[in-house]
Amino acid sequence: MKTAVSLAVLLSLTACDGGDKPPAAKGPQYTQEQVDARVDEVYATFRQFHDNLPDPAAPPMTCPDDDIKKWGAKKNEVSFLAYQSLRHTLGEPWDGNNSLVRFMTRSNLRYPPRAKFDVGKERNVKQLMRMWEFVEYVGVVVPLQERQANAVAGGVVGRGGALEAQLVIFKKGEPDPICHSPFKVESSGTASYTHKVGDNSSAKESKATMALKRALCSEISTGLKTLIGSLSKELEPEFIDCNSV
């Protein structure tokens, strides 16, 4: 007998004296076999992403726009997946705290290591079974060299950040990348920020550093948009929220 994993909280099936019918389940139910097979599929997909990343020195490869038109996705949006998140999903220790791209991973692509993925939680099963409904193209961002943006004492001026990375785009369900390219982004050491009249130099420095980080994030966002535009006339990047840097 197959065990069902429900995406809805099932209420008691015992009818009351008034003959009321029990409420219907809100959503599909899956057998344990279906969920286990889906876990295998999703984690195998992440493994393929990792193992099929091209050499960072490989020449750029443009996207197959004619094929993209034929594939007819509902939305030709590239969802980003930071390399550190990808490695962590595959069981490597998390090492992205200081990475400039750590915040870029789309929520639908953010998974813990398989051993820690709890299929007893309904929200996890829902994410697992509907992953590809929200993701069409995945852009793995692989940082090669990074320089953090920092303000000097007093927050007057600072050092702008820089990123040298590789963008590798995959189509959902396909093991090989459809296009890829290296890219570089560098920001200046100036940025606008506000502070309170009574803020000391440490507070000013902290706020200035945050402003520089957000300025760099904006540069990365613009750089990725320009890069994807040069690789494809059909694809576009998802929105990058620089408030979370």
Protein backbone atom coordinates (compact mmCIF):
# COMPACT_ATOMS: atom_id res chain seq x y z
CA MET A 1 0.00 0.00 0.00
CA LYS A 2 1.39 3.41 -0.98
CA THR A 3 1.72 6.07 1.69
CA ALA A 4 0.39 9.48 0.64
CA VAL A 5 2.12 12.76 1.44
CA SER A 6 -0.51 15.53 1.46
CA LEU A 7 0.00 19.17 0.56
CA ALA A 8 -3.05 20.14 2.62
CA VAL A 9 -4.00 19.62 6.21
CA LEU A 10 -6.73 17.01 6.12
CA LEU A 11 -9.46 17.51 8.68
CA SER A 12 -11.35 14.73 10.40
CA LEU A 13 -13.59 12.71 8.12
CA THR A 14 -16.11 12.12 10.87
CA ALA A 15 -19.39 13.82 9.90
CA CYS A 16 -21.27 15.72 12.53
CA ASP A 17 -24.88 15.03 13.51
CA GLY A 18 -26.13 17.64 11.07
CA GLY A 19 -24.82 15.59 8.13
CA ASP A 20 -22.18 18.15 7.09
CA LYS A 21 -19.75 16.88 4.49
CA PRO A 22 -16.04 17.00 5.31
CA PRO A 23 -14.11 19.76 3.54
CA ALA A 24 -12.17 18.73 0.47
CA ALA A 25 -8.38 18.62 0.56
CA LYS A 26 -6.77 21.81 -0.75
CA GLY A 27 -4.38 20.54 -3.36
CA PRO A 28 -2.92 17.35 -4.79
CA GLN A 29 -1.63 14.45 -2.78
CA TYR A 30 1.48 12.47 -3.66
CA THR A 31 2.59 8.99 -2.76
CA GLN A 32 5.86 8.52 -0.94
CA GLU A 33 7.24 6.88 -4.08
CA GLN A 34 6.40 10.01 -6.12
CA VAL A 35 8.06 12.28 -3.58
CA ASP A 36 11.18 10.10 -3.33
CA ALA A 37 11.47 10.00 -7.13
CA ARG A 38 11.13 13.78 -7.26
CA VAL A 39 13.85 14.21 -4.63
CA ASP A 40 16.14 12.05 -6.76
CA GLU A 41 15.33 14.10 -9.85
CA VAL A 42 15.82 17.52 -8.26
CA TYR A 43 19.11 16.73 -6.54
CA ALA A 44 20.37 15.01 -9.69
CA THR A 45 19.58 18.24 -11.55
CA PHE A 46 21.71 20.26 -9.13
CA ARG A 47 24.51 17.73 -9.54
CA GLN A 48 24.32 18.08 -13.33
CA PHE A 49 24.48 21.87 -13.03
CA HIS A 50 27.65 21.57 -10.97
CA ASP A 51 29.34 18.87 -13.02
CA ASN A 52 28.58 20.49 -16.39
CA LEU A 53 29.89 23.97 -15.64
CA PRO A 54 32.33 24.90 -18.42
CA ASP A 55 35.91 25.91 -17.72
CA PRO A 56 36.03 29.57 -16.64
CA ALA A 57 38.51 30.22 -19.46
CA ALA A 58 36.16 28.82 -22.11
CA PRO A 59 35.17 31.34 -24.81
CA PRO A 60 31.64 32.77 -24.54
CA MET A 61 28.82 30.77 -26.09
CA THR A 62 25.68 32.63 -27.16
CA CYS A 63 22.22 31.29 -26.44
CA PRO A 64 20.23 29.41 -29.13
CA ASP A 65 17.49 32.00 -29.65
CA ASP A 66 15.78 30.02 -32.41
CA ASP A 67 15.44 27.06 -30.05
CA ILE A 68 14.31 29.30 -27.20
CA LYS A 69 11.48 30.55 -29.39
CA LYS A 70 10.48 26.97 -30.21
CA TRP A 71 10.56 25.91 -26.56
CA GLY A 72 7.87 28.50 -25.90
CA ALA A 73 8.29 29.02 -22.17
CA LYS A 74 5.66 31.10 -20.42
CA LYS A 75 8.38 33.53 -19.37
CA ASN A 76 11.95 33.57 -20.66
CA GLU A 77 13.40 34.72 -17.36
CA VAL A 78 16.77 33.64 -16.01
CA SER A 79 16.61 32.73 -12.30
CA PHE A 80 19.97 33.09 -10.57
CA LEU A 81 21.75 30.44 -8.50
CA ALA A 82 24.95 31.38 -6.68
CA TYR A 83 27.74 28.83 -6.96
CA GLN A 84 28.11 28.70 -3.17
CA SER A 85 24.43 27.79 -2.81
CA LEU A 86 24.82 25.09 -5.44
CA ARG A 87 27.79 23.55 -3.64
CA HIS A 88 25.95 23.71 -0.31
CA THR A 89 22.94 21.90 -1.81
CA LEU A 90 25.30 19.15 -2.92
CA GLY A 91 26.58 18.69 0.63
CA GLU A 92 29.58 21.00 0.77
CA PRO A 93 30.01 23.29 3.82
CA TRP A 94 28.45 26.73 3.35
CA ASP A 95 31.20 29.21 2.46
CA GLY A 96 29.24 32.07 0.96
CA ASN A 97 28.96 34.50 3.87
CA ASN A 98 31.49 36.88 2.36
CA SER A 99 30.61 36.33 -1.29
CA LEU A 100 29.25 39.20 -3.35
CA VAL A 101 26.68 36.89 -4.99
CA ARG A 102 25.53 34.91 -1.93
CA PHE A 103 22.13 36.67 -1.83
CA MET A 104 21.29 36.09 -5.49
CA THR A 105 19.91 32.55 -5.30
CA ARG A 106 16.21 32.40 -6.20
CA SER A 107 14.08 31.05 -3.35
CA ASN A 108 12.77 28.22 -5.57
CA LEU A 109 16.37 27.09 -6.14
CA ARG A 110 17.49 27.28 -2.52
CA TYR A 111 17.76 23.76 -1.12
CA PRO A 112 19.64 22.34 1.88
CA PRO A 113 21.84 19.27 1.52
CA ARG A 114 19.76 16.23 0.71
CA ALA A 115 20.29 14.64 4.11
CA LYS A 116 18.71 17.71 5.73
CA PHE A 117 15.76 18.08 3.37
CA ASP A 118 12.66 17.20 5.39
CA VAL A 119 9.96 15.71 3.14
CA GLY A 120 7.67 15.55 6.18
CA LYS A 121 7.04 19.28 5.88
CA GLU A 122 4.25 20.23 3.49
CA ARG A 123 5.95 23.41 2.30
CA ASN A 124 9.05 21.42 1.36
CA VAL A 125 7.03 18.91 -0.64
CA LYS A 126 5.16 21.75 -2.34
CA GLN A 127 8.42 23.45 -3.32
CA LEU A 128 9.85 20.15 -4.49
CA MET A 129 6.93 19.11 -6.67
CA ARG A 130 6.34 22.56 -8.19
CA MET A 131 9.94 23.71 -8.59
CA TRP A 132 9.88 23.88 -12.39
CA GLU A 133 6.57 25.74 -12.47
CA PHE A 134 8.44 28.83 -11.28
CA VAL A 135 11.81 28.32 -12.94
CA GLU A 136 12.44 28.09 -16.68
CA TYR A 137 16.10 29.02 -17.05
CA VAL A 138 18.80 28.88 -14.38
CA GLY A 139 21.81 31.18 -14.43
CA VAL A 140 24.59 29.81 -12.24
CA VAL A 141 26.85 32.67 -11.13
CA VAL A 142 30.38 31.42 -10.40
CA PRO A 143 32.59 34.05 -8.72
CA LEU A 144 36.24 33.80 -9.71
CA GLN A 145 37.67 36.86 -7.96
CA GLU A 146 35.88 39.15 -5.51
CA ARG A 147 36.72 42.38 -3.75
CA GLN A 148 34.46 43.68 -1.02
CA ALA A 149 33.36 47.32 -0.95
CA ASN A 150 34.39 49.13 2.23
CA ALA A 151 34.35 52.68 3.56
CA VAL A 152 37.24 54.33 5.36
CA ALA A 153 36.99 55.71 8.88
CA GLY A 154 34.36 58.39 9.08
CA GLY A 155 32.54 57.11 6.03
CA VAL A 156 33.77 59.92 3.78
CA VAL A 157 35.21 57.88 0.93
CA GLY A 158 35.92 54.21 0.42
CA ARG A 159 37.04 51.40 -1.82
CA GLY A 160 34.58 50.16 -4.40
CA GLY A 161 33.97 46.46 -4.79
CA ALA A 162 34.72 44.30 -7.81
CA LEU A 163 33.58 40.96 -9.17
CA GLU A 164 35.04 38.70 -11.83
CA ALA A 165 32.71 35.79 -12.50
CA GLN A 166 31.21 33.39 -14.97
CA LEU A 167 27.51 33.14 -15.87
CA VAL A 168 26.31 29.74 -17.06
CA ILE A 169 22.69 29.40 -18.21
CA PHE A 170 20.79 26.11 -18.18
CA LYS A 171 17.30 25.25 -19.44
CA LYS A 172 15.15 23.35 -16.97
CA GLY A 173 15.37 19.61 -17.42
CA GLU A 174 18.48 19.83 -19.61
CA PRO A 175 21.89 18.72 -18.27
CA ASP A 176 24.09 20.84 -20.53
CA PRO A 177 24.35 24.63 -20.48
CA ILE A 178 22.74 26.49 -23.37
CA CYS A 179 25.08 29.49 -23.12
CA HIS A 180 27.76 31.00 -20.91
CA SER A 181 30.18 33.88 -20.61
CA PRO A 182 32.67 35.46 -18.21
CA PHE A 183 32.01 38.99 -16.99
CA LYS A 184 33.57 41.67 -14.80
CA VAL A 185 32.02 44.40 -12.67
CA GLU A 186 33.78 47.14 -10.71
CA SER A 187 32.27 50.03 -8.80
CA SER A 188 33.76 53.32 -7.68
CA GLY A 189 34.56 54.23 -4.09
CA THR A 190 31.79 56.79 -3.87
CA ALA A 191 28.11 56.38 -3.01
CA SER A 192 25.34 58.51 -1.53
CA TYR A 193 24.04 57.69 1.93
CA THR A 194 22.31 59.43 4.82
CA HIS A 195 23.18 59.48 8.50
CA LYS A 196 21.93 61.13 11.66
CA VAL A 197 23.49 64.33 12.93
CA GLY A 198 24.67 62.60 16.08
CA ASP A 199 26.21 59.57 14.36
CA ASN A 200 29.83 58.93 15.29
CA SER A 201 32.52 57.97 12.79
CA SER A 202 31.88 54.25 13.28
CA ALA A 203 28.17 54.60 12.48
CA LYS A 204 28.97 56.73 9.44
CA GLU A 205 31.50 54.18 8.24
CA SER A 206 28.98 51.35 8.62
CA LYS A 207 26.30 53.22 6.66
CA ALA A 208 28.77 54.27 3.98
CA THR A 209 29.95 50.67 3.59
CA MET A 210 26.36 49.50 3.15
CA ALA A 211 25.81 52.19 0.51
CA LEU A 212 28.94 51.04 -1.34
CA LYS A 213 27.77 47.41 -1.20
CA ARG A 214 24.38 48.32 -2.62
CA ALA A 215 26.03 50.40 -5.32
CA LEU A 216 28.13 47.39 -6.28
CA CYS A 217 25.03 45.18 -6.25
CA SER A 218 23.36 47.61 -8.64
CA GLU A 219 26.42 47.43 -10.89
CA ILE A 220 26.29 43.62 -10.82
CA SER A 221 22.58 43.69 -11.67
CA THR A 222 23.20 46.03 -14.58
CA GLY A 223 26.19 43.98 -15.71
CA LEU A 224 24.19 40.75 -15.75
CA LYS A 225 21.36 42.40 -17.66
CA THR A 226 23.81 43.70 -20.26
CA LEU A 227 25.56 40.33 -20.44
CA ILE A 228 22.36 38.34 -20.93
CA GLY A 229 21.27 40.86 -23.55
CA SER A 230 24.50 40.18 -25.44
CA LEU A 231 24.00 36.41 -25.23
CA SER A 232 20.32 36.31 -26.15
CA LYS A 233 17.56 38.52 -27.52
CA GLU A 234 14.96 36.22 -25.98
CA LEU A 235 16.11 35.86 -22.37
CA GLU A 236 15.95 38.43 -19.60
CA PRO A 237 17.28 38.39 -16.02
CA GLU A 238 15.06 38.17 -12.98
CA PHE A 239 14.92 41.11 -10.57
CA ILE A 240 17.82 41.32 -8.15
CA ASP A 241 16.97 42.80 -4.73
CA CYS A 242 19.94 44.82 -3.56
CA ASN A 243 18.36 45.53 -0.17
CA SER A 244 19.47 42.09 0.99
CA VAL A 245 23.22 42.50 0.42
